[in-house]
N, C-alpha and C. Protein backbone atom coordinates (compact mmCIF):
# COMPACT_ATOMS: atom_id res chain seq x y z
N UNK A 1 0.85 -1.17 0.00
CA UNK A 1 0.00 0.00 0.00
C UNK A 1 0.90 1.24 0.00
N UNK A 2 0.72 2.08 -0.97
CA UNK A 2 1.54 3.28 -1.07
C UNK A 2 0.95 4.41 -0.24
N UNK A 3 1.83 5.21 0.34
CA UNK A 3 1.39 6.37 1.11
C UNK A 3 0.83 6.03 2.48
N UNK A 4 0.89 4.79 2.88
CA UNK A 4 0.37 4.40 4.18
C UNK A 4 1.40 4.63 5.28
N UNK A 5 1.00 4.31 6.46
CA UNK A 5 1.87 4.44 7.62
C UNK A 5 2.74 3.19 7.70
N UNK A 6 4.05 3.35 7.80
CA UNK A 6 4.91 2.17 7.88
C UNK A 6 4.72 1.46 9.21
N UNK A 7 4.94 0.18 9.20
CA UNK A 7 4.80 -0.61 10.42
C UNK A 7 5.93 -0.27 11.39
N UNK A 8 5.59 -0.17 12.66
CA UNK A 8 6.58 0.21 13.67
C UNK A 8 7.55 -0.93 13.92
N UNK A 9 8.82 -0.56 14.06
CA UNK A 9 9.86 -1.54 14.34
C UNK A 9 10.44 -1.21 15.71
N UNK A 10 10.38 -2.15 16.62
CA UNK A 10 10.83 -1.91 17.99
C UNK A 10 12.33 -1.92 18.16
N UNK A 11 13.09 -2.30 17.15
CA UNK A 11 14.54 -2.42 17.32
C UNK A 11 15.20 -1.05 17.51
N UNK A 12 14.72 -0.02 16.82
CA UNK A 12 15.31 1.31 16.97
C UNK A 12 15.07 1.85 18.38
N UNK A 13 13.88 1.60 18.91
CA UNK A 13 13.56 2.06 20.26
C UNK A 13 14.41 1.32 21.29
N UNK A 14 14.56 0.02 21.12
CA UNK A 14 15.36 -0.77 22.06
C UNK A 14 16.82 -0.33 22.03
N UNK A 15 17.31 0.00 20.86
CA UNK A 15 18.70 0.46 20.74
C UNK A 15 18.89 1.80 21.45
N UNK A 16 17.92 2.68 21.31
CA UNK A 16 17.99 4.00 21.97
C UNK A 16 17.97 3.84 23.49
N UNK A 17 17.10 2.98 23.99
CA UNK A 17 17.02 2.75 25.43
C UNK A 17 18.31 2.14 25.96
N UNK A 18 18.86 1.19 25.24
CA UNK A 18 20.09 0.55 25.74
C UNK A 18 21.26 1.54 25.77
N UNK A 19 21.30 2.48 24.84
CA UNK A 19 22.36 3.49 24.85
C UNK A 19 22.18 4.47 26.00
N UNK A 20 20.94 4.84 26.31
CA UNK A 20 20.71 5.82 27.37
C UNK A 20 20.89 5.22 28.76
N UNK A 21 20.69 3.92 28.91
CA UNK A 21 20.89 3.28 30.22
C UNK A 21 22.36 3.31 30.63
N UNK A 22 23.24 3.28 29.67
CA UNK A 22 24.67 3.28 29.97
C UNK A 22 25.23 4.68 30.19
N UNK A 23 24.44 5.70 29.92
CA UNK A 23 24.92 7.07 30.02
C UNK A 23 24.17 7.79 31.14
N UNK A 24 24.78 8.00 32.31
CA UNK A 24 24.08 8.64 33.42
C UNK A 24 23.74 10.10 33.13
N UNK A 25 24.48 10.75 32.24
CA UNK A 25 24.17 12.14 31.89
C UNK A 25 22.80 12.24 31.25
N UNK A 26 22.49 11.32 30.36
CA UNK A 26 21.20 11.33 29.68
C UNK A 26 20.07 11.07 30.68
N UNK A 27 20.29 10.16 31.61
CA UNK A 27 19.26 9.87 32.61
C UNK A 27 19.01 11.07 33.52
N UNK A 28 20.08 11.73 33.96
CA UNK A 28 19.91 12.92 34.80
C UNK A 28 19.24 14.05 34.04
N UNK A 29 19.60 14.20 32.79
CA UNK A 29 19.00 15.25 31.97
C UNK A 29 17.51 15.00 31.77
N UNK A 30 17.13 13.77 31.48
CA UNK A 30 15.72 13.44 31.29
C UNK A 30 14.94 13.61 32.59
N UNK A 31 15.53 13.21 33.71
CA UNK A 31 14.86 13.35 35.00
C UNK A 31 14.65 14.82 35.35
N UNK A 32 15.68 15.64 35.18
CA UNK A 32 15.53 17.06 35.53
C UNK A 32 14.57 17.76 34.58
N UNK A 33 14.52 17.36 33.32
CA UNK A 33 13.56 17.96 32.39
C UNK A 33 12.13 17.58 32.78
N UNK A 34 11.94 16.35 33.22
CA UNK A 34 10.60 15.93 33.66
C UNK A 34 10.15 16.67 34.90
N UNK A 35 11.04 16.81 35.87
CA UNK A 35 10.71 17.54 37.10
C UNK A 35 10.44 19.01 36.78
N UNK A 36 11.23 19.59 35.90
CA UNK A 36 11.01 20.99 35.50
C UNK A 36 9.65 21.19 34.86
N UNK A 37 9.24 20.26 34.03
CA UNK A 37 7.91 20.35 33.41
C UNK A 37 6.80 20.26 34.43
N UNK A 38 6.94 19.36 35.40
CA UNK A 38 5.92 19.24 36.44
C UNK A 38 5.83 20.51 37.28
N UNK A 39 6.96 21.07 37.66
CA UNK A 39 6.96 22.29 38.46
C UNK A 39 6.38 23.47 37.70
N UNK A 40 6.68 23.56 36.41
CA UNK A 40 6.14 24.65 35.60
C UNK A 40 4.62 24.55 35.51
N UNK A 41 4.10 23.35 35.30
CA UNK A 41 2.65 23.17 35.23
C UNK A 41 1.99 23.45 36.56
N UNK A 42 2.61 23.04 37.65
CA UNK A 42 2.06 23.31 38.97
C UNK A 42 2.01 24.82 39.23
N UNK A 43 3.08 25.52 38.90
CA UNK A 43 3.15 26.96 39.09
C UNK A 43 2.08 27.67 38.26
N UNK A 44 1.87 27.23 37.04
CA UNK A 44 0.85 27.83 36.18
C UNK A 44 -0.54 27.64 36.79
N UNK A 45 -0.80 26.47 37.34
CA UNK A 45 -2.09 26.22 37.97
C UNK A 45 -2.30 27.06 39.21
N UNK A 46 -1.27 27.23 40.01
CA UNK A 46 -1.38 28.04 41.23
C UNK A 46 -1.65 29.50 40.87
N UNK A 47 -0.95 30.03 39.89
CA UNK A 47 -1.15 31.42 39.48
C UNK A 47 -2.55 31.61 38.92
N UNK A 48 -3.02 30.68 38.10
CA UNK A 48 -4.36 30.80 37.54
C UNK A 48 -5.43 30.75 38.63
N UNK A 49 -5.22 29.90 39.61
CA UNK A 49 -6.17 29.81 40.71
C UNK A 49 -6.20 31.07 41.56
N UNK A 50 -5.05 31.67 41.78
CA UNK A 50 -5.01 32.89 42.59
C UNK A 50 -5.61 34.08 41.87
N UNK A 51 -5.54 34.09 40.54
CA UNK A 51 -6.11 35.21 39.79
C UNK A 51 -7.62 35.29 39.96
N UNK A 52 -8.28 34.15 40.13
CA UNK A 52 -9.73 34.16 40.32
C UNK A 52 -10.12 34.91 41.58
N UNK A 53 -9.39 34.70 42.66
CA UNK A 53 -9.71 35.37 43.92
C UNK A 53 -9.31 36.84 43.90
N UNK A 54 -8.22 37.16 43.24
CA UNK A 54 -7.78 38.55 43.18
C UNK A 54 -8.75 39.38 42.35
N UNK A 55 -9.31 38.81 41.29
CA UNK A 55 -10.27 39.54 40.46
C UNK A 55 -11.54 39.85 41.23
N UNK A 56 -11.93 38.97 42.17
CA UNK A 56 -13.11 39.24 42.98
C UNK A 56 -12.88 40.43 43.91
N UNK A 57 -11.68 40.55 44.45
CA UNK A 57 -11.38 41.62 45.40
C UNK A 57 -11.10 42.95 44.72
N UNK A 58 -10.47 42.93 43.56
CA UNK A 58 -10.10 44.15 42.86
C UNK A 58 -10.82 44.19 41.52
N UNK A 59 -11.87 44.99 41.43
CA UNK A 59 -12.70 45.03 40.22
C UNK A 59 -11.97 45.65 39.03
N UNK A 60 -10.99 46.54 39.27
CA UNK A 60 -10.26 47.16 38.16
C UNK A 60 -9.43 46.14 37.39
N UNK A 61 -8.97 45.11 38.07
CA UNK A 61 -8.15 44.09 37.42
C UNK A 61 -8.95 43.36 36.35
N UNK A 62 -10.24 43.17 36.60
CA UNK A 62 -11.07 42.44 35.66
C UNK A 62 -11.31 43.23 34.38
N UNK A 63 -11.25 44.56 34.45
CA UNK A 63 -11.54 45.40 33.28
C UNK A 63 -10.31 45.78 32.47
N UNK A 64 -9.14 45.79 33.07
CA UNK A 64 -7.93 46.27 32.40
C UNK A 64 -6.95 45.13 32.21
N UNK A 65 -6.65 44.82 30.95
CA UNK A 65 -5.77 43.68 30.67
C UNK A 65 -4.32 43.96 31.06
N UNK A 66 -3.87 45.20 30.94
CA UNK A 66 -2.48 45.50 31.29
C UNK A 66 -2.27 45.32 32.79
N UNK A 67 -3.32 45.58 33.57
CA UNK A 67 -3.24 45.40 35.02
C UNK A 67 -3.18 43.91 35.36
N UNK A 68 -3.87 43.08 34.58
CA UNK A 68 -3.79 41.64 34.79
C UNK A 68 -2.38 41.14 34.52
N UNK A 69 -1.75 41.67 33.49
CA UNK A 69 -0.37 41.28 33.17
C UNK A 69 0.60 41.65 34.28
N UNK A 70 0.45 42.85 34.82
CA UNK A 70 1.32 43.27 35.92
C UNK A 70 1.08 42.43 37.17
N UNK A 71 -0.17 42.04 37.37
CA UNK A 71 -0.50 41.21 38.52
C UNK A 71 0.16 39.84 38.39
N UNK A 72 0.08 39.24 37.22
CA UNK A 72 0.71 37.94 37.00
C UNK A 72 2.22 38.04 37.13
N UNK A 73 2.78 39.13 36.65
CA UNK A 73 4.22 39.33 36.75
C UNK A 73 4.66 39.43 38.21
N UNK A 74 3.88 40.13 39.01
CA UNK A 74 4.19 40.25 40.42
C UNK A 74 4.09 38.94 41.17
N UNK A 75 3.12 38.12 40.80
CA UNK A 75 2.97 36.81 41.45
C UNK A 75 4.14 35.92 41.09
N UNK A 76 4.60 35.97 39.85
CA UNK A 76 5.70 35.12 39.42
C UNK A 76 7.01 35.50 40.09
N UNK A 77 7.18 36.76 40.42
CA UNK A 77 8.40 37.20 41.09
C UNK A 77 8.46 36.62 42.50
N UNK A 78 7.31 36.52 43.15
CA UNK A 78 7.28 35.97 44.51
C UNK A 78 7.69 34.54 44.47
């Protein structure tokens, strides 16, 4: 069948895994990248959740987008 999806071959994946198991640098790099992604997502969720309560208390923030940006910037600095 022309133009179809080629069948997956597990040998390339197994070769990649076997090379990375022998290299501790690759394992540390992958681990730190994974932890960094989790922390970034957690931080984004916390900031989004806090914005809901701040908008209730300060009505000007809800109407002015530049003020929302400054508010998010201030939260990220903390």
